[in-house]
Amino acid sequence: MMDDEDPSASNVITNSSSSSSSSRLMNQSSSTPVVSLERRINRLINANQSQSPSRSIYSDRFIPSRSGSNFALFDLSPSPSKDGKEDGAGSYATLLRAAMFGPETPEKRDITGFSSSRNIFRFKTETKTHRSLNLFSPFGVDEPPGGVSHSPVKAPRKVPRSPYKVLDAPALQDDFYLNLVDWSAQNVLAVGLGNCVYLWNACSSKVTKLCDLGADDSVCSVGWALRGTHLAVGTSTGKVQIWDASRCKRTRTMEGHRLRVGALAWGSSVLSSGSRDKSILQRDIRCQEDHVSKLAGHKSEVCGLKWSYDNRELASGGNDNRLFVWNQHSTQPVLKYSEHTAAVKAIAWSPHVHGLLASGGGTADRCIRFWNTTTNTHLSSIDTCSQVCNLAWSKNVNELVSTHGYSQNQIIVWKYPTMSKIATLTGHTYRVLYLAVSPDGQTIVTGAGDETLRFWNVFPSPKSQNTDSEIGSSFFGRTTIR
């Protein structure tokens, strides 16, 4: 190879060649101009060959370092080094690492974040049955470089298919239009059983009887205030009672409805009550009047009421198959939706998207529909193949849960907006008419006409929460709430 030879040898060959040329010229003619021509040619030839001792000679070929190549992949073996010296690039990397980090630094990676013995792009030998995802990585190394993390693909979240606790709830009514279960911010569950209201403390499992309405009345709805220990109780005689649960004392009784009050919803300072008399009354418990305004629009019993999270909009559903949206100052609905073909009891505002409202229809409808109340648009609809009794959003993730009646009596956890099913839970033998979510957002309680309350862990905890819920599986078992 020319590159492996001594450069001085080329001068010998060139001079020899030039001597032969000059001899031929002299044989052709012996005149003086020929001699001077010979000297001129020799000077031109030797001018390109004579180099200064301090000047380096560069080759026009690039020979890459093969120390980082994977010859085993192609059944090749690198040729041994002739002089046994270390590769120049590797030596330079070693010296640079020692100069930057000290001579005793473990040799892990060079300052660029990659091993000096590996190419940035390389093939990785894999078995025939398994191919690593690193084969498709632009870095192609076993460990991710600094600042880059290759997180594994998350496995689908597993939701326990069985309740971790079951409470017997004797006399829990099997009535689609009532709302008899609610969970307070202080982790206390309120349940209306017949003509009584019972409180179950989720931290201690202690059961307390709050009130007894007597033989001539019954509980039709319960609703906790957003803060504090006050509980509203709607009765079959059209009254709304306010109870201080911490003292088990009734603080107020408000009238105004002519028939039973099956729906209650607390806003920031307003308590809304919906009745079979088709009306919705707005009550400010700071005022002496029983109600401050009356909302008229439904043509049948009001069975669903929910305030938005910003307390600016109230959604109502009725047995007239209508879904209405009201604002704080109007006595007429500002939005009217009539797409449902059955009673609308299930109503839930999204805590993640402003103005996103979900509603569910009864047996003849079976659909969950989504609305954007900001733009007044119907977003989507999904047929659940079963009566929709309740809806609730998770406050930790963008998911929601629905409970159902005829004919499957199931509980479904959905991923929004794809509405793919995360889990389907069964266990109730009657319609799952009642639903409430724990204050930490992880647990739901469901109630049915089979006179049981079942507790399910369906939602994940917030990302910032590292401790377990106070109402964990340590309370597993079956007891009675009465």
Protein backbone atom coordinates (compact mmCIF):
# COMPACT_ATOMS: atom_id res chain seq x y z
CA MET A 1 0.00 0.00 0.00
CA MET A 2 1.27 3.47 -0.84
CA ASP A 3 0.08 4.87 2.50
CA ASP A 4 2.24 2.41 4.45
CA GLU A 5 5.45 3.22 2.58
CA ASP A 6 8.17 5.76 3.47
CA PRO A 7 7.65 9.09 1.58
CA SER A 8 11.38 9.22 0.78
CA ALA A 9 11.05 6.15 -1.41
CA SER A 10 8.86 8.07 -3.78
CA ASN A 11 11.65 10.56 -4.33
CA VAL A 12 13.99 7.79 -5.39
CA ILE A 13 11.49 6.46 -7.85
CA THR A 14 10.78 9.92 -9.21
CA ASN A 15 14.43 10.82 -9.62
CA SER A 16 15.14 7.56 -11.36
CA SER A 17 12.27 8.15 -13.71
CA SER A 18 13.38 11.66 -14.44
CA SER A 19 16.96 10.44 -15.20
CA SER A 20 15.66 8.02 -17.82
CA SER A 21 13.68 10.82 -19.44
CA SER A 22 16.69 13.09 -19.60
CA SER A 23 18.81 10.32 -21.10
CA ARG A 24 16.34 9.87 -23.92
CA LEU A 25 16.35 13.60 -24.54
CA MET A 26 20.12 13.66 -24.71
CA ASN A 27 20.18 10.77 -27.16
CA GLN A 28 17.88 12.64 -29.47
CA SER A 29 20.01 15.75 -29.48
CA SER A 30 23.25 16.88 -27.86
CA SER A 31 22.66 20.60 -28.14
CA THR A 32 23.02 22.92 -25.14
CA PRO A 33 19.35 23.92 -25.02
CA VAL A 34 18.54 20.31 -24.28
CA VAL A 35 20.78 20.30 -21.20
CA SER A 36 19.14 23.43 -19.84
CA LEU A 37 15.72 21.91 -20.48
CA GLU A 38 16.71 18.87 -18.44
CA ARG A 39 17.72 21.03 -15.47
CA ARG A 40 14.46 22.94 -15.69
CA ILE A 41 12.41 19.72 -15.63
CA ASN A 42 14.35 18.38 -12.65
CA ARG A 43 13.76 21.60 -10.70
CA LEU A 44 10.02 21.43 -11.39
CA ILE A 45 9.80 17.80 -10.31
CA ASN A 46 11.90 18.20 -7.19
CA ALA A 47 10.08 21.38 -6.16
CA ASN A 48 6.90 19.34 -5.31
CA GLN A 49 8.80 16.58 -3.52
CA SER A 50 11.11 18.52 -1.24
CA GLN A 51 9.30 19.43 2.00
CA SER A 52 10.28 21.46 4.99
CA PRO A 53 11.16 19.26 8.00
CA SER A 54 8.60 21.11 10.15
CA ARG A 55 5.74 20.61 7.71
CA SER A 56 3.39 17.62 8.19
CA ILE A 57 2.31 15.36 5.36
CA TYR A 58 -1.41 14.71 5.13
CA SER A 59 -3.11 11.83 3.40
CA ASP A 60 -6.21 12.24 1.28
CA ARG A 61 -7.75 9.02 2.70
CA PHE A 62 -9.80 8.77 5.94
CA ILE A 63 -9.30 5.56 7.90
CA PRO A 64 -11.91 5.42 10.72
CA SER A 65 -11.26 3.90 14.13
CA ARG A 66 -12.79 0.44 14.36
CA SER A 67 -12.40 0.01 18.11
CA GLY A 68 -16.11 0.71 18.67
CA SER A 69 -17.46 -1.37 15.78
CA ASN A 70 -19.51 -4.49 16.42
CA PHE A 71 -17.76 -7.03 14.18
CA ALA A 72 -19.50 -9.95 15.87
CA LEU A 73 -22.79 -8.93 14.29
CA PHE A 74 -21.39 -9.56 10.82
CA ASP A 75 -19.18 -12.55 11.79
CA LEU A 76 -16.08 -10.40 11.26
CA SER A 77 -13.12 -9.92 13.52
CA PRO A 78 -11.04 -6.74 13.60
CA SER A 79 -7.52 -7.01 12.27
CA PRO A 80 -4.89 -6.89 15.02
CA SER A 81 -2.90 -3.72 15.38
CA LYS A 82 0.50 -3.90 13.79
CA ASP A 83 2.32 -1.83 16.34
CA GLY A 84 0.17 -2.72 19.37
CA LYS A 85 -0.47 0.96 20.13
CA GLU A 86 -3.81 2.20 21.50
CA ASP A 87 -6.20 3.85 19.08
CA GLY A 88 -5.63 7.60 18.85
CA ALA A 89 -9.25 8.55 19.50
CA GLY A 90 -9.39 6.34 22.61
CA SER A 91 -6.12 7.74 23.93
CA TYR A 92 -7.34 11.29 23.44
CA ALA A 93 -10.61 10.53 25.23
CA THR A 94 -8.72 8.98 28.16
CA LEU A 95 -6.39 11.96 28.47
CA LEU A 96 -9.28 14.40 28.21
CA ARG A 97 -11.25 12.55 30.86
CA ALA A 98 -8.26 12.52 33.21
CA ALA A 99 -7.66 16.24 32.64
CA MET A 100 -11.32 17.13 33.29
CA PHE A 101 -12.25 14.77 36.12
CA GLY A 102 -8.95 13.61 37.60
CA PRO A 103 -6.95 10.43 37.13
CA GLU A 104 -8.93 8.36 39.68
CA THR A 105 -12.38 8.99 38.15
CA PRO A 106 -14.06 5.69 37.15
CA GLU A 107 -14.19 5.32 33.43
CA LYS A 108 -17.89 5.39 32.68
CA ARG A 109 -18.57 7.93 29.95
CA ASP A 110 -16.80 10.77 28.28
CA ILE A 111 -17.99 14.36 28.61
CA THR A 112 -20.44 14.00 25.74
CA GLY A 113 -22.42 11.42 27.71
CA PHE A 114 -21.49 8.45 25.55
CA SER A 115 -19.01 5.68 26.05
CA SER A 116 -15.74 6.20 24.21
CA SER A 117 -15.78 2.59 23.06
CA ARG A 118 -19.12 2.88 21.31
CA ASN A 119 -20.37 4.63 18.25
CA ILE A 120 -23.35 6.96 18.66
CA PHE A 121 -25.33 4.92 16.13
CA ARG A 122 -24.71 1.20 16.37
CA PHE A 123 -26.44 -2.13 16.01
CA LYS A 124 -27.10 -4.18 19.08
CA THR A 125 -26.91 -7.95 18.96
CA GLU A 126 -30.30 -9.39 19.91
CA THR A 127 -31.77 -12.85 20.18
CA LYS A 128 -34.11 -14.03 17.48
CA THR A 129 -37.08 -14.15 19.82
CA HIS A 130 -36.64 -10.79 21.54
CA ARG A 131 -35.72 -7.41 20.14
CA SER A 132 -35.00 -4.61 22.54
CA LEU A 133 -36.65 -1.26 22.10
CA ASN A 134 -33.18 0.24 22.32
CA LEU A 135 -32.61 -0.99 18.76
CA PHE A 136 -34.85 1.85 17.61
CA SER A 137 -33.32 4.44 19.89
CA PRO A 138 -31.14 7.07 18.23
CA PHE A 139 -28.71 6.68 21.11
CA GLY A 140 -28.50 2.91 20.90
CA VAL A 141 -26.99 2.38 24.34
CA ASP A 142 -28.01 0.17 27.24
CA GLU A 143 -28.35 3.12 29.61
CA PRO A 144 -30.02 6.38 28.59
CA PRO A 145 -27.64 9.30 28.21
CA GLY A 146 -27.65 12.14 30.67
CA GLY A 147 -30.84 14.19 30.59
CA VAL A 148 -32.79 11.54 28.62
CA SER A 149 -35.00 8.98 30.36
CA HIS A 150 -36.65 6.10 28.58
CA SER A 151 -39.67 5.44 30.82
CA PRO A 152 -41.35 2.07 30.37
CA VAL A 153 -44.81 1.86 28.86
CA LYS A 154 -47.41 2.08 31.62
CA ALA A 155 -49.49 -1.01 32.15
CA PRO A 156 -53.26 -0.51 32.19
CA ARG A 157 -54.48 0.48 35.63
CA LYS A 158 -56.10 -2.40 37.47
CA VAL A 159 -59.37 -1.70 39.24
CA PRO A 160 -60.42 -4.22 41.92
CA ARG A 161 -63.49 -6.08 40.72
CA SER A 162 -64.92 -6.56 44.20
CA PRO A 163 -65.97 -4.03 46.84
CA TYR A 164 -63.62 -3.76 49.79
CA LYS A 165 -66.53 -3.14 52.17
CA VAL A 166 -70.26 -3.86 52.23
CA LEU A 167 -72.77 -2.22 54.56
CA ASP A 168 -76.27 -3.51 55.05
CA ALA A 169 -78.78 -0.69 54.58
CA PRO A 170 -82.26 -1.90 55.56
CA ALA A 171 -85.18 0.03 54.04
CA LEU A 172 -83.01 1.70 51.35
CA GLN A 173 -85.69 2.55 48.80
CA ASP A 174 -85.65 1.29 45.23
CA ASP A 175 -86.83 4.58 43.71
CA PHE A 176 -85.10 6.02 40.63
CA TYR A 177 -86.13 9.62 41.41
CA LEU A 178 -84.61 9.85 44.91
CA ASN A 179 -81.09 10.76 46.04
CA LEU A 180 -80.45 9.12 49.39
CA VAL A 181 -76.63 8.92 49.68
CA ASP A 182 -74.01 11.68 49.99
CA TRP A 183 -70.39 11.85 51.24
CA SER A 184 -69.14 14.94 53.06
CA ALA A 185 -65.78 16.70 52.88
CA GLN A 186 -65.27 15.57 56.51
CA ASN A 187 -65.41 11.91 55.39
CA VAL A 188 -68.88 11.19 56.77
CA LEU A 189 -71.46 9.29 54.74
CA ALA A 190 -75.13 10.25 55.07
CA VAL A 191 -77.81 7.71 54.13
CA GLY A 192 -81.58 8.07 54.15
CA LEU A 193 -83.27 4.85 55.30
CA GLY A 194 -87.05 5.06 55.45
CA ASN A 195 -87.92 7.97 57.72
CA CYS A 196 -84.43 8.20 59.30
CA VAL A 197 -81.03 9.58 58.37
CA TYR A 198 -77.91 7.72 59.49
CA LEU A 199 -74.31 8.92 59.48
CA TRP A 200 -71.37 6.56 58.94
CA ASN A 201 -67.91 7.88 59.84
CA ALA A 202 -65.50 6.48 57.27
CA CYS A 203 -62.50 6.96 59.57
CA SER A 204 -63.88 5.15 62.59
CA SER A 205 -66.76 3.14 61.06
CA LYS A 206 -69.01 4.60 63.75
CA VAL A 207 -72.72 4.81 62.92
CA THR A 208 -74.87 7.65 64.27
CA LYS A 209 -78.60 8.17 63.90
CA LEU A 210 -79.05 11.82 62.93
CA CYS A 211 -82.83 12.18 62.81
CA ASP A 212 -86.19 10.44 62.64
CA LEU A 213 -88.94 12.20 60.66
CA GLY A 214 -91.74 10.17 62.15
CA ALA A 215 -94.23 7.75 60.70
CA ASP A 216 -95.95 10.36 58.51
CA ASP A 217 -92.84 11.45 56.63
CA SER A 218 -89.86 9.88 54.88
CA VAL A 219 -86.45 10.90 53.58
CA CYS A 220 -86.29 11.59 49.83
CA SER A 221 -82.89 13.27 49.48
CA VAL A 222 -79.77 14.20 51.45
CA GLY A 223 -77.01 16.67 50.58
CA TRP A 224 -73.95 17.89 52.46
CA ALA A 225 -72.87 21.52 52.36
CA LEU A 226 -69.61 22.06 50.48
CA ARG A 227 -67.86 22.98 53.74
CA GLY A 228 -68.76 22.42 57.33
CA THR A 229 -71.03 19.86 58.94
CA HIS A 230 -74.47 20.97 57.75
CA LEU A 231 -76.71 18.45 56.02
CA ALA A 232 -79.85 19.22 54.05
CA VAL A 233 -82.66 16.66 54.15
CA GLY A 234 -85.50 16.67 51.63
CA THR A 235 -88.74 15.08 52.80
CA SER A 236 -91.81 13.50 51.23
CA THR A 237 -93.99 16.34 52.56
CA GLY A 238 -92.10 18.97 50.52
CA LYS A 239 -89.99 20.38 53.37
CA VAL A 240 -86.22 20.89 53.50
CA GLN A 241 -84.54 20.52 56.88
CA ILE A 242 -81.05 21.75 57.76
CA TRP A 243 -79.17 19.71 60.37
CA ASP A 244 -75.90 20.37 62.17
CA ALA A 245 -74.36 16.91 62.08
CA SER A 246 -71.65 17.72 64.62
CA ARG A 247 -74.35 18.34 67.26
CA CYS A 248 -77.10 16.15 65.75
CA LYS A 249 -79.39 19.16 65.96
CA ARG A 250 -81.87 20.57 63.47
CA THR A 251 -81.20 24.25 62.83
CA ARG A 252 -83.92 25.12 60.33
CA THR A 253 -86.95 23.87 58.38
CA MET A 254 -87.82 25.50 55.05
CA GLU A 255 -91.01 25.09 53.08
CA GLY A 256 -92.14 26.07 49.59
CA HIS A 257 -92.67 22.80 47.72
CA ARG A 258 -96.05 21.14 47.54
CA LEU A 259 -94.69 17.62 46.87
CA ARG A 260 -91.67 15.52 47.77
CA VAL A 261 -88.15 16.93 47.41
CA GLY A 262 -86.08 14.33 45.59
CA ALA A 263 -83.06 16.42 44.57
CA LEU A 264 -80.73 18.77 46.47
CA ALA A 265 -77.62 20.68 45.39
CA TRP A 266 -75.42 23.07 47.37
CA GLY A 267 -73.71 26.04 45.76
CA SER A 268 -71.35 28.45 47.46
CA SER A 269 -74.15 30.20 49.37
CA VAL A 270 -77.30 28.77 47.81
CA LEU A 271 -79.13 25.51 48.39
CA SER A 272 -81.22 24.36 45.43
CA SER A 273 -84.09 21.92 45.88
CA GLY A 274 -85.98 20.08 43.14
CA SER A 275 -89.44 18.65 43.64
CA ARG A 276 -92.14 16.51 42.11
CA ASP A 277 -94.12 19.73 41.83
CA LYS A 278 -91.83 20.50 38.79
CA SER A 279 -90.17 23.53 40.41
CA ILE A 280 -86.68 24.36 41.66
CA LEU A 281 -86.34 26.66 44.67
CA GLN A 282 -83.19 28.65 45.39
CA ARG A 283 -82.62 29.02 49.12
CA ASP A 284 -80.12 31.25 50.88
CA ILE A 285 -79.83 29.90 54.41
CA ARG A 286 -78.49 33.29 55.55
CA CYS A 287 -81.87 34.87 54.79
CA GLN A 288 -85.06 34.52 56.77
CA GLU A 289 -87.14 33.75 53.68
CA ASP A 290 -87.63 30.08 52.81
CA HIS A 291 -86.49 30.74 49.26
CA VAL A 292 -85.13 33.69 47.29
CA SER A 293 -86.23 32.61 43.81
CA LYS A 294 -88.20 29.96 41.95
CA LEU A 295 -87.03 28.34 38.72
CA ALA A 296 -89.80 27.13 36.41
CA GLY A 297 -89.31 25.18 33.19
CA HIS A 298 -89.62 21.45 33.77
CA LYS A 299 -92.88 19.74 32.88
CA SER A 300 -92.42 16.84 35.26
CA GLU A 301 -90.60 15.87 38.46
CA VAL A 302 -87.11 17.30 38.94
CA CYS A 303 -84.85 14.36 39.80
CA GLY A 304 -81.31 15.65 39.11
CA LEU A 305 -79.53 18.83 40.30
CA LYS A 306 -75.85 19.79 40.18
CA TRP A 307 -73.99 23.09 40.56
CA SER A 308 -70.87 23.64 38.47
CA TYR A 309 -67.52 23.83 40.25
CA ASP A 310 -67.34 27.60 39.85
CA ASN A 311 -70.89 27.89 41.26
CA ARG A 312 -72.05 29.89 38.26
CA GLU A 313 -74.27 27.34 36.51
CA LEU A 314 -76.91 24.94 37.78
CA ALA A 315 -77.84 21.88 35.71
CA SER A 316 -81.21 20.21 36.25
CA GLY A 317 -82.73 17.05 34.87
CA GLY A 318 -86.33 15.94 34.97
CA ASN A 319 -88.74 13.16 34.24
CA ASP A 320 -89.76 15.21 31.18
CA ASN A 321 -86.52 13.99 29.47
CA ARG A 322 -85.13 17.53 29.56
CA LEU A 323 -81.75 18.84 30.66
CA PHE A 324 -81.66 22.54 31.57
CA VAL A 325 -78.83 24.89 32.52
CA TRP A 326 -79.51 27.95 34.68
CA ASN A 327 -77.31 30.83 35.75
CA GLN A 328 -77.26 32.63 39.07
CA HIS A 329 -79.58 35.44 38.04
CA SER A 330 -82.14 33.89 35.70
CA THR A 331 -85.45 32.28 36.59
CA GLN A 332 -85.65 30.73 33.13
CA PRO A 333 -83.19 28.17 31.73
CA VAL A 334 -80.43 29.70 29.61
CA LEU A 335 -79.75 26.37 27.85
CA LYS A 336 -82.25 23.63 26.99
CA TYR A 337 -81.33 20.15 25.78
CA SER A 338 -83.97 17.66 24.66
CA GLU A 339 -81.88 14.90 23.05
CA HIS A 340 -82.51 12.40 25.84
CA THR A 341 -85.54 10.13 25.38
CA ALA A 342 -85.99 9.19 29.04
CA ALA A 343 -85.75 10.78 32.48
CA VAL A 344 -82.49 12.63 33.20
CA LYS A 345 -81.31 11.95 36.73
CA ALA A 346 -77.58 11.42 36.14
CA ILE A 347 -75.78 14.80 35.91
CA ALA A 348 -72.08 15.60 36.46
CA TRP A 349 -69.88 18.63 35.79
CA SER A 350 -66.27 18.00 34.82
CA PRO A 351 -63.71 19.32 37.31
CA HIS A 352 -61.08 19.37 34.54
CA VAL A 353 -62.74 21.30 31.68
CA HIS A 354 -64.79 24.42 32.25
CA GLY A 355 -68.34 24.07 30.93
CA LEU A 356 -68.12 20.32 30.23
CA LEU A 357 -71.33 18.63 31.37
CA ALA A 358 -72.26 14.95 31.28
CA SER A 359 -75.82 13.62 31.51
CA GLY A 360 -77.40 10.19 31.40
CA GLY A 361 -80.85 8.99 30.38
CA GLY A 362 -83.16 6.37 31.79
CA THR A 363 -84.31 3.00 30.51
CA ALA A 364 -85.68 4.20 27.17
CA ASP A 365 -82.54 6.24 26.45
CA ARG A 366 -79.51 4.51 28.05
CA CYS A 367 -77.11 7.12 26.65
CA ILE A 368 -74.43 9.25 28.25
CA ARG A 369 -74.18 12.60 26.49
CA PHE A 370 -71.58 15.33 26.76
CA TRP A 371 -72.25 19.04 26.37
CA ASN A 372 -70.16 22.18 26.15
CA THR A 373 -72.26 24.76 27.93
CA THR A 374 -69.82 27.53 27.01
CA THR A 375 -70.44 27.10 23.28
CA ASN A 376 -73.86 25.44 23.65
CA THR A 377 -72.86 22.36 21.67
CA HIS A 378 -73.57 18.65 21.94
CA LEU A 379 -70.14 17.02 21.94
CA SER A 380 -70.75 13.27 21.86
CA SER A 381 -72.99 10.41 22.94
CA ILE A 382 -72.47 6.77 23.86
CA ASP A 383 -75.05 4.02 24.29
CA THR A 384 -74.38 2.16 27.54
CA CYS A 385 -77.03 -0.53 26.85
CA SER A 386 -78.45 0.01 30.33
CA GLN A 387 -80.42 2.58 32.32
CA VAL A 388 -78.09 5.38 33.50
CA CYS A 389 -78.76 6.16 37.16
CA ASN A 390 -75.75 8.25 38.25
CA LEU A 391 -72.61 9.90 36.92
CA ALA A 392 -69.54 11.18 38.75
CA TRP A 393 -66.20 12.53 37.51
CA SER A 394 -62.89 11.71 39.11
CA LYS A 395 -61.18 14.82 40.44
CA ASN A 396 -57.76 13.17 40.16
CA VAL A 397 -57.80 11.93 36.54
CA ASN A 398 -59.92 12.55 33.46
CA GLU A 399 -62.25 9.62 34.07
CA LEU A 400 -65.84 9.18 35.15
CA VAL A 401 -67.96 6.46 36.64
CA SER A 402 -71.55 5.57 35.81
CA THR A 403 -73.99 3.37 37.66
CA HIS A 404 -76.78 1.50 35.90
CA GLY A 405 -80.11 -0.16 36.39
CA TYR A 406 -82.17 -2.17 33.93
CA SER A 407 -81.00 -4.53 32.93
CA GLN A 408 -77.41 -5.18 33.98
CA ASN A 409 -77.10 -3.30 37.31
CA GLN A 410 -73.43 -2.63 36.61
CA ILE A 411 -70.88 0.05 37.48
CA ILE A 412 -68.60 1.25 34.66
CA VAL A 413 -65.41 3.29 34.88
CA TRP A 414 -64.77 5.23 31.66
CA LYS A 415 -61.75 7.00 30.20
CA TYR A 416 -62.65 10.41 28.80
CA PRO A 417 -62.80 11.52 25.99
CA THR A 418 -62.30 8.13 24.28
CA MET A 419 -65.01 6.60 26.49
CA SER A 420 -63.14 3.33 26.58
CA LYS A 421 -64.10 1.09 29.47
CA ILE A 422 -61.49 0.80 32.19
CA ALA A 423 -63.54 -1.54 34.37
CA THR A 424 -67.02 -2.99 34.70
CA LEU A 425 -68.03 -3.84 38.27
CA THR A 426 -70.91 -6.07 39.25
CA GLY A 427 -72.30 -7.27 42.55
CA HIS A 428 -75.56 -5.42 43.14
CA THR A 429 -78.66 -7.44 42.41
CA TYR A 430 -80.91 -4.39 42.01
CA ARG A 431 -80.59 -1.09 40.17
CA VAL A 432 -77.56 0.92 41.35
CA LEU A 433 -79.59 4.04 42.11
CA TYR A 434 -77.24 5.86 44.47
CA LEU A 435 -73.65 7.03 44.13
CA ALA A 436 -71.23 9.20 46.11
CA VAL A 437 -67.48 9.87 45.90
CA SER A 438 -65.10 10.02 48.85
CA PRO A 439 -63.40 13.35 49.63
CA ASP A 440 -60.01 12.03 48.48
CA GLY A 441 -61.52 11.12 45.11
CA GLN A 442 -60.37 7.49 45.13
CA THR A 443 -63.38 5.60 46.49
CA ILE A 444 -67.02 5.47 45.51
CA VAL A 445 -69.97 4.11 47.43
CA THR A 446 -72.97 2.70 45.61
CA GLY A 447 -76.41 1.92 46.94
CA ALA A 448 -79.17 -0.24 45.49
CA GLY A 449 -82.60 -1.65 46.18
CA ASP A 450 -80.87 -4.82 47.40
CA GLU A 451 -80.41 -2.79 50.62
CA THR A 452 -76.63 -2.76 50.52
CA LEU A 453 -73.98 -0.09 50.27
CA ARG A 454 -70.80 -1.20 48.50
CA PHE A 455 -67.44 0.59 48.61
CA TRP A 456 -65.13 0.36 45.59
CA ASN A 457 -61.61 1.63 44.93
CA VAL A 458 -61.95 2.83 41.35
CA PHE A 459 -59.88 6.02 40.92
CA PRO A 460 -56.15 6.63 41.45
CA SER A 461 -54.84 9.04 44.04
CA PRO A 462 -53.55 12.50 43.11
CA LYS A 463 -49.94 12.49 41.86
CA SER A 464 -48.88 14.60 44.83
CA GLN A 465 -50.48 12.23 47.32
CA ASN A 466 -48.10 9.63 48.72
CA THR A 467 -50.13 8.40 51.65
CA ASP A 468 -52.93 5.89 51.59
CA SER A 469 -56.51 6.88 52.04
CA GLU A 470 -57.93 6.86 55.53
CA ILE A 471 -60.68 4.57 54.34
CA GLY A 472 -58.56 1.78 52.99
CA SER A 473 -59.13 -1.95 52.91
CA SER A 474 -58.46 -2.15 56.65
CA PHE A 475 -62.22 -1.68 57.07
CA PHE A 476 -62.98 -4.71 54.93
CA GLY A 477 -65.99 -6.62 56.06
CA ARG A 478 -69.77 -6.50 56.13
CA THR A 479 -71.66 -4.64 58.81
CA THR A 480 -74.97 -2.84 59.10
CA ILE A 481 -75.41 0.93 58.96
CA ARG A 482 -78.49 0.82 61.14
